[in-house]
Each structure stands twice: as structure tokens, then as C-alpha cells.
């Protein structure tokens, strides 16, 4: 798990470093550390969250091990599984 604040000192540095991590396939999901929810990087709900609450994950397994649940907006199938107790 990588916190958004760990990516750099300025917004431009953070954006550049995040793009590098995505291109290197070290980041594929984003999450909200306060709500313990993870979802796709393109999720409109995730894009609205505060920067200080943003975290990033390599994969779904990493997010689940960290105690996060799937987003009901962008990951509907995984959310239904989680809600029914299968995750």
C-alpha cells in the first residue's frame, strides 16, 4: 500500500510518480484510508476523495489483506460478493 502523500512534495511530483507506478504496474487500484474502500483508478467516486485519504494498491489481494472492501460503484460484482460474506 502506498499513501498519496508518500509520492512527493508537490502536486506535480505526486502526479508524475503515480504515473510511473501505474506504468510499472505497481499500482492498479486506489482506496480511501478513512472509509477502508478500494476501487478502480477511473472510479468517479474515488476521484472525489481528499488527497490525504488516498492510498494505492498493487492488486485486489493487497487491498483485502489491508482490510479494505470493494467499492459498490465501480466494482459491483466484487462488492456483492463482499456483502454476502464471500470475501
PDB file of N, CA and C in Angstrom:
ATOM      1  N   UNK A   1       0.848  -1.164   0.000  1.00  0.00           N
ATOM      2  CA  UNK A   1       0.000   0.000   0.000  1.00  0.00           C
ATOM      3  C   UNK A   1       0.900   1.236   0.000  1.00  0.00           C
ATOM      4  N   UNK A   2       0.537   2.181  -0.840  1.00  0.00           N
ATOM      5  CA  UNK A   2       1.267   3.438  -0.952  1.00  0.00           C
ATOM      6  C   UNK A   2       0.297   4.578  -0.666  1.00  0.00           C
ATOM      7  N   UNK A   3       0.657   5.457   0.237  1.00  0.00           N
ATOM      8  CA  UNK A   3      -0.160   6.639   0.510  1.00  0.00           C
ATOM      9  C   UNK A   3       0.154   7.715  -0.515  1.00  0.00           C
ATOM     10  N   UNK A   4      -0.846   8.476  -0.906  1.00  0.00           N
ATOM     11  CA  UNK A   4      -0.655   9.543  -1.892  1.00  0.00           C
ATOM     12  C   UNK A   4       0.405  10.531  -1.412  1.00  0.00           C
ATOM     13  N   UNK A   5       0.415  10.822  -0.125  1.00  0.00           N
ATOM     14  CA  UNK A   5       1.367  11.778   0.434  1.00  0.00           C
ATOM     15  C   UNK A   5       2.814  11.297   0.348  1.00  0.00           C
ATOM     16  N   UNK A   6       3.036  10.001   0.145  1.00  0.00           N
ATOM     17  CA  UNK A   6       4.386   9.449   0.044  1.00  0.00           C
ATOM     18  C   UNK A   6       4.970   9.598  -1.357  1.00  0.00           C
ATOM     19  N   UNK A   7       4.205  10.085  -2.291  1.00  0.00           N
ATOM     20  CA  UNK A   7       4.645  10.130  -3.687  1.00  0.00           C
ATOM     21  C   UNK A   7       5.483  11.352  -4.028  1.00  0.00           C
ATOM     22  N   UNK A   8       5.503  12.359  -3.193  1.00  0.00           N
ATOM     23  CA  UNK A   8       6.290  13.548  -3.488  1.00  0.00           C
ATOM     24  C   UNK A   8       5.869  14.741  -2.661  1.00  0.00           C
ATOM     25  N   UNK A   9       6.644  15.829  -2.814  1.00  0.00           N
ATOM     26  CA  UNK A   9       6.385  17.041  -2.030  1.00  0.00           C
ATOM     27  C   UNK A   9       5.390  17.987  -2.690  1.00  0.00           C
ATOM     28  N   UNK A  10       5.325  17.970  -4.005  1.00  0.00           N
ATOM     29  CA  UNK A  10       4.420  18.864  -4.728  1.00  0.00           C
ATOM     30  C   UNK A  10       3.392  18.053  -5.492  1.00  0.00           C
ATOM     31  N   UNK A  11       2.317  18.703  -5.879  1.00  0.00           N
ATOM     32  CA  UNK A  11       1.269  18.022  -6.634  1.00  0.00           C
ATOM     33  C   UNK A  11       1.809  17.477  -7.955  1.00  0.00           C
ATOM     34  N   UNK A  12       2.672  18.246  -8.610  1.00  0.00           N
ATOM     35  CA  UNK A  12       3.237  17.799  -9.875  1.00  0.00           C
ATOM     36  C   UNK A  12       4.130  16.573  -9.668  1.00  0.00           C
ATOM     37  N   UNK A  13       4.934  16.574  -8.612  1.00  0.00           N
ATOM     38  CA  UNK A  13       5.800  15.426  -8.320  1.00  0.00           C
ATOM     39  C   UNK A  13       4.963  14.193  -7.994  1.00  0.00           C
ATOM     40  N   UNK A  14       3.876  14.384  -7.244  1.00  0.00           N
ATOM     41  CA  UNK A  14       2.986  13.273  -6.901  1.00  0.00           C
ATOM     42  C   UNK A  14       2.370  12.665  -8.148  1.00  0.00           C
ATOM     43  N   UNK A  15       1.894  13.522  -9.048  1.00  0.00           N
ATOM     44  CA  UNK A  15       1.267  13.050 -10.288  1.00  0.00           C
ATOM     45  C   UNK A  15       2.265  12.282 -11.142  1.00  0.00           C
ATOM     46  N   UNK A  16       3.450  12.815 -11.259  1.00  0.00           N
ATOM     47  CA  UNK A  16       4.492  12.171 -12.070  1.00  0.00           C
ATOM     48  C   UNK A  16       4.851  10.799 -11.502  1.00  0.00           C
ATOM     49  N   UNK A  17       5.051  10.729 -10.190  1.00  0.00           N
ATOM     50  CA  UNK A  17       5.413   9.465  -9.543  1.00  0.00           C
ATOM     51  C   UNK A  17       4.279   8.452  -9.640  1.00  0.00           C
ATOM     52  N   UNK A  18       3.041   8.898  -9.494  1.00  0.00           N
ATOM     53  CA  UNK A  18       1.903   7.991  -9.611  1.00  0.00           C
ATOM     54  C   UNK A  18       1.818   7.413 -11.014  1.00  0.00           C
ATOM     55  N   UNK A  19       2.013   8.232 -12.032  1.00  0.00           N
ATOM     56  CA  UNK A  19       2.004   7.739 -13.415  1.00  0.00           C
ATOM     57  C   UNK A  19       3.095   6.697 -13.639  1.00  0.00           C
ATOM     58  N   UNK A  20       4.265   6.926 -13.049  1.00  0.00           N
ATOM     59  CA  UNK A  20       5.356   5.947 -13.159  1.00  0.00           C
ATOM     60  C   UNK A  20       4.946   4.613 -12.536  1.00  0.00           C
ATOM     61  N   UNK A  21       4.371   4.654 -11.354  1.00  0.00           N
ATOM     62  CA  UNK A  21       3.950   3.434 -10.667  1.00  0.00           C
ATOM     63  C   UNK A  21       2.868   2.693 -11.446  1.00  0.00           C
ATOM     64  N   UNK A  22       1.949   3.426 -12.047  1.00  0.00           N
ATOM     65  CA  UNK A  22       0.907   2.795 -12.864  1.00  0.00           C
ATOM     66  C   UNK A  22       1.523   2.141 -14.089  1.00  0.00           C
ATOM     67  N   UNK A  23       2.421   2.837 -14.760  1.00  0.00           N
ATOM     68  CA  UNK A  23       3.083   2.285 -15.947  1.00  0.00           C
ATOM     69  C   UNK A  23       3.925   1.061 -15.617  1.00  0.00           C
ATOM     70  N   UNK A  24       4.505   1.043 -14.433  1.00  0.00           N
ATOM     71  CA  UNK A  24       5.315  -0.096 -13.992  1.00  0.00           C
ATOM     72  C   UNK A  24       4.446  -1.219 -13.419  1.00  0.00           C
ATOM     73  N   UNK A  25       3.156  -1.024 -13.422  1.00  0.00           N
ATOM     74  CA  UNK A  25       2.162  -1.970 -12.901  1.00  0.00           C
ATOM     75  C   UNK A  25       2.353  -2.254 -11.405  1.00  0.00           C
ATOM     76  N   UNK A  26       2.845  -1.258 -10.675  1.00  0.00           N
ATOM     77  CA  UNK A  26       2.974  -1.372  -9.224  1.00  0.00           C
ATOM     78  C   UNK A  26       1.731  -0.829  -8.517  1.00  0.00           C
ATOM     79  N   UNK A  27       0.875  -0.155  -9.285  1.00  0.00           N
ATOM     80  CA  UNK A  27      -0.385   0.381  -8.768  1.00  0.00           C
ATOM     81  C   UNK A  27      -1.480   0.075  -9.784  1.00  0.00           C
ATOM     82  N   UNK A  28      -2.578  -0.536  -9.313  1.00  0.00           N
ATOM     83  CA  UNK A  28      -3.700  -0.788 -10.219  1.00  0.00           C
ATOM     84  C   UNK A  28      -5.040  -0.408  -9.594  1.00  0.00           C
ATOM     85  N   UNK A  29      -5.048  -0.167  -8.279  1.00  0.00           N
ATOM     86  CA  UNK A  29      -6.285   0.189  -7.584  1.00  0.00           C
ATOM     87  C   UNK A  29      -6.025   1.349  -6.628  1.00  0.00           C
ATOM     88  N   UNK A  30      -7.057   2.116  -6.362  1.00  0.00           N
ATOM     89  CA  UNK A  30      -6.974   3.201  -5.403  1.00  0.00           C
ATOM     90  C   UNK A  30      -7.915   2.934  -4.245  1.00  0.00           C
ATOM     91  N   UNK A  31      -7.658   3.602  -3.118  1.00  0.00           N
ATOM     92  CA  UNK A  31      -8.518   3.388  -1.976  1.00  0.00           C
ATOM     93  C   UNK A  31      -8.647   4.619  -1.107  1.00  0.00           C
ATOM     94  N   UNK A  32      -9.595   4.561  -0.184  1.00  0.00           N
ATOM     95  CA  UNK A  32      -9.835   5.629   0.768  1.00  0.00           C
ATOM     96  C   UNK A  32      -9.474   5.087   2.145  1.00  0.00           C
ATOM     97  N   UNK A  33      -8.426   5.645   2.752  1.00  0.00           N
ATOM     98  CA  UNK A  33      -7.929   5.127   4.024  1.00  0.00           C
ATOM     99  C   UNK A  33      -8.903   5.346   5.184  1.00  0.00           C
ATOM    100  N   UNK A  34      -9.718   6.369   5.126  1.00  0.00           N
ATOM    101  CA  UNK A  34     -10.688   6.620   6.204  1.00  0.00           C
ATOM    102  C   UNK A  34     -11.864   5.652   6.131  1.00  0.00           C
ATOM    103  N   UNK A  35     -12.354   5.406   4.921  1.00  0.00           N
ATOM    104  CA  UNK A  35     -13.530   4.556   4.739  1.00  0.00           C
ATOM    105  C   UNK A  35     -13.182   3.091   4.521  1.00  0.00           C
ATOM    106  N   UNK A  36     -11.905   2.808   4.282  1.00  0.00           N
ATOM    107  CA  UNK A  36     -11.419   1.436   4.017  1.00  0.00           C
ATOM    108  C   UNK A  36     -12.132   0.817   2.801  1.00  0.00           C
ATOM    109  N   UNK A  37     -12.190   1.595   1.713  1.00  0.00           N
ATOM    110  CA  UNK A  37     -12.802   1.152   0.460  1.00  0.00           C
ATOM    111  C   UNK A  37     -11.756   1.230  -0.643  1.00  0.00           C
ATOM    112  N   UNK A  38     -11.721   0.228  -1.534  1.00  0.00           N
ATOM    113  CA  UNK A  38     -10.834   0.287  -2.696  1.00  0.00           C
ATOM    114  C   UNK A  38     -11.639   0.151  -3.971  1.00  0.00           C
ATOM    115  N   UNK A  39     -11.099   0.692  -5.055  1.00  0.00           N
ATOM    116  CA  UNK A  39     -11.773   0.610  -6.342  1.00  0.00           C
ATOM    117  C   UNK A  39     -10.815   0.898  -7.486  1.00  0.00           C
ATOM    118  N   UNK A  40     -11.370   1.006  -8.672  1.00  0.00           N
ATOM    119  CA  UNK A  40     -10.552   1.259  -9.855  1.00  0.00           C
ATOM    120  C   UNK A  40     -10.019   2.687  -9.845  1.00  0.00           C
ATOM    121  N   UNK A  41      -8.951   2.908 -10.560  1.00  0.00           N
ATOM    122  CA  UNK A  41      -8.361   4.242 -10.621  1.00  0.00           C
ATOM    123  C   UNK A  41      -9.246   5.215 -11.386  1.00  0.00           C
ATOM    124  N   UNK A  42     -10.144   4.701 -12.207  1.00  0.00           N
ATOM    125  CA  UNK A  42     -11.021   5.560 -13.004  1.00  0.00           C
ATOM    126  C   UNK A  42     -12.381   5.807 -12.347  1.00  0.00           C
ATOM    127  N   UNK A  43     -12.593   5.307 -11.155  1.00  0.00           N
ATOM    128  CA  UNK A  43     -13.876   5.451 -10.461  1.00  0.00           C
ATOM    129  C   UNK A  43     -14.165   6.917 -10.144  1.00  0.00           C
ATOM    130  N   UNK A  44     -15.350   7.371 -10.497  1.00  0.00           N
ATOM    131  CA  UNK A  44     -15.712   8.769 -10.243  1.00  0.00           C
ATOM    132  C   UNK A  44     -15.821   9.054  -8.740  1.00  0.00           C
ATOM    133  N   UNK A  45     -16.218   8.081  -7.954  1.00  0.00           N
ATOM    134  CA  UNK A  45     -16.284   8.264  -6.502  1.00  0.00           C
ATOM    135  C   UNK A  45     -14.881   8.438  -5.933  1.00  0.00           C
ATOM    136  N   UNK A  46     -13.956   7.642  -6.404  1.00  0.00           N
ATOM    137  CA  UNK A  46     -12.582   7.716  -5.928  1.00  0.00           C
ATOM    138  C   UNK A  46     -11.891   9.014  -6.305  1.00  0.00           C
ATOM    139  N   UNK A  47     -12.233   9.547  -7.446  1.00  0.00           N
ATOM    140  CA  UNK A  47     -11.610  10.793  -7.894  1.00  0.00           C
ATOM    141  C   UNK A  47     -12.020  11.983  -7.031  1.00  0.00           C
ATOM    142  N   UNK A  48     -13.141  11.869  -6.319  1.00  0.00           N
ATOM    143  CA  UNK A  48     -13.624  12.977  -5.491  1.00  0.00           C
ATOM    144  C   UNK A  48     -13.040  12.981  -4.077  1.00  0.00           C
ATOM    145  N   UNK A  49     -12.368  11.927  -3.671  1.00  0.00           N
ATOM    146  CA  UNK A  49     -11.890  11.865  -2.292  1.00  0.00           C
ATOM    147  C   UNK A  49     -10.723  12.819  -2.040  1.00  0.00           C
ATOM    148  N   UNK A  50     -10.526  13.168  -0.797  1.00  0.00           N
ATOM    149  CA  UNK A  50      -9.432  14.050  -0.417  1.00  0.00           C
ATOM    150  C   UNK A  50      -8.097  13.353  -0.642  1.00  0.00           C
ATOM    151  N   UNK A  51      -7.107  14.107  -1.088  1.00  0.00           N
ATOM    152  CA  UNK A  51      -5.783  13.567  -1.368  1.00  0.00           C
ATOM    153  C   UNK A  51      -5.183  12.900  -0.142  1.00  0.00           C
ATOM    154  N   UNK A  52      -5.368  13.491   1.030  1.00  0.00           N
ATOM    155  CA  UNK A  52      -4.757  12.919   2.236  1.00  0.00           C
ATOM    156  C   UNK A  52      -5.352  11.567   2.627  1.00  0.00           C
ATOM    157  N   UNK A  53      -6.513  11.209   2.074  1.00  0.00           N
ATOM    158  CA  UNK A  53      -7.140   9.913   2.352  1.00  0.00           C
ATOM    159  C   UNK A  53      -6.807   8.857   1.296  1.00  0.00           C
ATOM    160  N   UNK A  54      -6.141   9.255   0.219  1.00  0.00           N
ATOM    161  CA  UNK A  54      -5.884   8.328  -0.888  1.00  0.00           C
ATOM    162  C   UNK A  54      -4.730   7.379  -0.599  1.00  0.00           C
ATOM    163  N   UNK A  55      -4.971   6.111  -0.944  1.00  0.00           N
ATOM    164  CA  UNK A  55      -3.931   5.086  -0.909  1.00  0.00           C
ATOM    165  C   UNK A  55      -4.028   4.299  -2.211  1.00  0.00           C
ATOM    166  N   UNK A  56      -2.954   3.612  -2.545  1.00  0.00           N
ATOM    167  CA  UNK A  56      -2.923   2.852  -3.789  1.00  0.00           C
ATOM    168  C   UNK A  56      -2.441   1.435  -3.526  1.00  0.00           C
ATOM    169  N   UNK A  57      -2.981   0.500  -4.296  1.00  0.00           N
ATOM    170  CA  UNK A  57      -2.661  -0.915  -4.127  1.00  0.00           C
ATOM    171  C   UNK A  57      -2.172  -1.518  -5.437  1.00  0.00           C
ATOM    172  N   UNK A  58      -1.326  -2.516  -5.312  1.00  0.00           N
ATOM    173  CA  UNK A  58      -0.822  -3.248  -6.473  1.00  0.00           C
ATOM    174  C   UNK A  58      -1.928  -4.107  -7.074  1.00  0.00           C
ATOM    175  N   UNK A  59      -2.730  -4.733  -6.208  1.00  0.00           N
ATOM    176  CA  UNK A  59      -3.785  -5.622  -6.693  1.00  0.00           C
ATOM    177  C   UNK A  59      -4.885  -5.744  -5.638  1.00  0.00           C
ATOM    178  N   UNK A  60      -5.900  -6.478  -5.982  1.00  0.00           N
ATOM    179  CA  UNK A  60      -7.058  -6.641  -5.106  1.00  0.00           C
ATOM    180  C   UNK A  60      -6.700  -7.397  -3.829  1.00  0.00           C
ATOM    181  N   UNK A  61      -5.848  -8.381  -3.959  1.00  0.00           N
ATOM    182  CA  UNK A  61      -5.444  -9.181  -2.790  1.00  0.00           C
ATOM    183  C   UNK A  61      -4.780  -8.289  -1.733  1.00  0.00           C
ATOM    184  N   UNK A  62      -3.911  -7.386  -2.174  1.00  0.00           N
ATOM    185  CA  UNK A  62      -3.237  -6.474  -1.251  1.00  0.00           C
ATOM    186  C   UNK A  62      -4.246  -5.595  -0.504  1.00  0.00           C
ATOM    187  N   UNK A  63      -5.264  -5.121  -1.212  1.00  0.00           N
ATOM    188  CA  UNK A  63      -6.294  -4.281  -0.596  1.00  0.00           C
ATOM    189  C   UNK A  63      -7.103  -5.067   0.431  1.00  0.00           C
ATOM    190  N   UNK A  64      -7.472  -6.279   0.105  1.00  0.00           N
ATOM    191  CA  UNK A  64      -8.267  -7.112   1.012  1.00  0.00           C
ATOM    192  C   UNK A  64      -7.467  -7.455   2.263  1.00  0.00           C
ATOM    193  N   UNK A  65      -6.197  -7.812   2.094  1.00  0.00           N
ATOM    194  CA  UNK A  65      -5.335  -8.132   3.242  1.00  0.00           C
ATOM    195  C   UNK A  65      -5.194  -6.913   4.157  1.00  0.00           C
ATOM    196  N   UNK A  66      -5.194  -5.710   3.581  1.00  0.00           N
ATOM    197  CA  UNK A  66      -5.081  -4.475   4.369  1.00  0.00           C
ATOM    198  C   UNK A  66      -6.399  -4.108   5.051  1.00  0.00           C
ATOM    199  N   UNK A  67      -7.455  -4.888   4.813  1.00  0.00           N
ATOM    200  CA  UNK A  67      -8.724  -4.655   5.481  1.00  0.00           C
ATOM    201  C   UNK A  67      -9.695  -3.751   4.743  1.00  0.00           C
ATOM    202  N   UNK A  68      -9.504  -3.578   3.439  1.00  0.00           N
ATOM    203  CA  UNK A  68     -10.381  -2.726   2.634  1.00  0.00           C
ATOM    204  C   UNK A  68     -11.458  -3.564   1.968  1.00  0.00           C
ATOM    205  N   UNK A  69     -12.584  -2.919   1.656  1.00  0.00           N
ATOM    206  CA  UNK A  69     -13.679  -3.590   0.958  1.00  0.00           C
ATOM    207  C   UNK A  69     -13.834  -2.991  -0.429  1.00  0.00           C
ATOM    208  N   UNK A  70     -14.431  -3.743  -1.367  1.00  0.00           N
ATOM    209  CA  UNK A  70     -14.626  -3.233  -2.729  1.00  0.00           C
ATOM    210  C   UNK A  70     -15.635  -2.084  -2.788  1.00  0.00           C
ATOM    211  N   UNK A  71     -15.440  -1.193  -3.743  1.00  0.00           N
ATOM    212  CA  UNK A  71     -16.342  -0.073  -3.988  1.00  0.00           C
ATOM    213  C   UNK A  71     -17.632  -0.597  -4.615  1.00  0.00           C
ATOM    214  N   UNK A  72     -18.757  -0.154  -4.096  1.00  0.00           N
ATOM    215  CA  UNK A  72     -20.050  -0.562  -4.644  1.00  0.00           C
ATOM    216  C   UNK A  72     -20.385   0.114  -5.955  1.00  0.00           C
ATOM    217  N   UNK A  73     -19.652   1.164  -6.299  1.00  0.00           N
ATOM    218  CA  UNK A  73     -19.913   1.906  -7.526  1.00  0.00           C
ATOM    219  C   UNK A  73     -19.174   1.305  -8.724  1.00  0.00           C
ATOM    220  N   UNK A  74     -17.878   1.099  -8.614  1.00  0.00           N
ATOM    221  CA  UNK A  74     -17.076   0.664  -9.766  1.00  0.00           C
ATOM    222  C   UNK A  74     -16.750  -0.830  -9.758  1.00  0.00           C
ATOM    223  N   UNK A  75     -16.977  -1.504  -8.647  1.00  0.00           N
ATOM    224  CA  UNK A  75     -16.661  -2.937  -8.548  1.00  0.00           C
ATOM    225  C   UNK A  75     -17.886  -3.681  -8.011  1.00  0.00           C
ATOM    226  N   UNK A  76     -18.964  -3.590  -8.753  1.00  0.00           N
ATOM    227  CA  UNK A  76     -20.258  -4.092  -8.278  1.00  0.00           C
ATOM    228  C   UNK A  76     -20.252  -5.587  -7.967  1.00  0.00           C
ATOM    229  N   UNK A  77     -19.649  -6.399  -8.826  1.00  0.00           N
ATOM    230  CA  UNK A  77     -19.636  -7.849  -8.595  1.00  0.00           C
ATOM    231  C   UNK A  77     -18.841  -8.194  -7.333  1.00  0.00           C
ATOM    232  N   UNK A  78     -17.664  -7.598  -7.186  1.00  0.00           N
ATOM    233  CA  UNK A  78     -16.836  -7.854  -6.002  1.00  0.00           C
ATOM    234  C   UNK A  78     -17.523  -7.337  -4.737  1.00  0.00           C
ATOM    235  N   UNK A  79     -18.212  -6.191  -4.858  1.00  0.00           N
ATOM    236  CA  UNK A  79     -18.931  -5.636  -3.721  1.00  0.00           C
ATOM    237  C   UNK A  79     -20.049  -6.590  -3.279  1.00  0.00           C
ATOM    238  N   UNK A  80     -20.785  -7.140  -4.231  1.00  0.00           N
ATOM    239  CA  UNK A  80     -21.860  -8.078  -3.892  1.00  0.00           C
ATOM    240  C   UNK A  80     -21.306  -9.307  -3.192  1.00  0.00           C
ATOM    241  N   UNK A  81     -20.162  -9.811  -3.672  1.00  0.00           N
ATOM    242  CA  UNK A  81     -19.513 -10.959  -3.019  1.00  0.00           C
ATOM    243  C   UNK A  81     -19.127 -10.595  -1.593  1.00  0.00           C
ATOM    244  N   UNK A  82     -18.525  -9.425  -1.421  1.00  0.00           N
ATOM    245  CA  UNK A  82     -18.120  -8.971  -0.095  1.00  0.00           C
ATOM    246  C   UNK A  82     -19.325  -8.844   0.831  1.00  0.00           C
ATOM    247  N   UNK A  83     -20.379  -8.244   0.309  1.00  0.00           N
ATOM    248  CA  UNK A  83     -21.591  -8.017   1.119  1.00  0.00           C
ATOM    249  C   UNK A  83     -22.231  -9.340   1.537  1.00  0.00           C
ATOM    250  N   UNK A  84     -22.138 -10.335   0.687  1.00  0.00           N
ATOM    251  CA  UNK A  84     -22.715 -11.644   1.005  1.00  0.00           C
ATOM    252  C   UNK A  84     -21.765 -12.521   1.796  1.00  0.00           C
ATOM    253  N   UNK A  85     -20.595 -11.971   2.163  1.00  0.00           N
ATOM    254  CA  UNK A  85     -19.664 -12.705   3.028  1.00  0.00           C
ATOM    255  C   UNK A  85     -18.724 -13.661   2.320  1.00  0.00           C
ATOM    256  N   UNK A  86     -18.554 -13.511   1.004  1.00  0.00           N
ATOM    257  CA  UNK A  86     -17.693 -14.430   0.277  1.00  0.00           C
ATOM    258  C   UNK A  86     -16.246 -13.966   0.191  1.00  0.00           C
ATOM    259  N   UNK A  87     -15.981 -12.704   0.541  1.00  0.00           N
ATOM    260  CA  UNK A  87     -14.595 -12.207   0.510  1.00  0.00           C
ATOM    261  C   UNK A  87     -14.106 -12.103   1.931  1.00  0.00           C
TER     262      UNK A  87
END
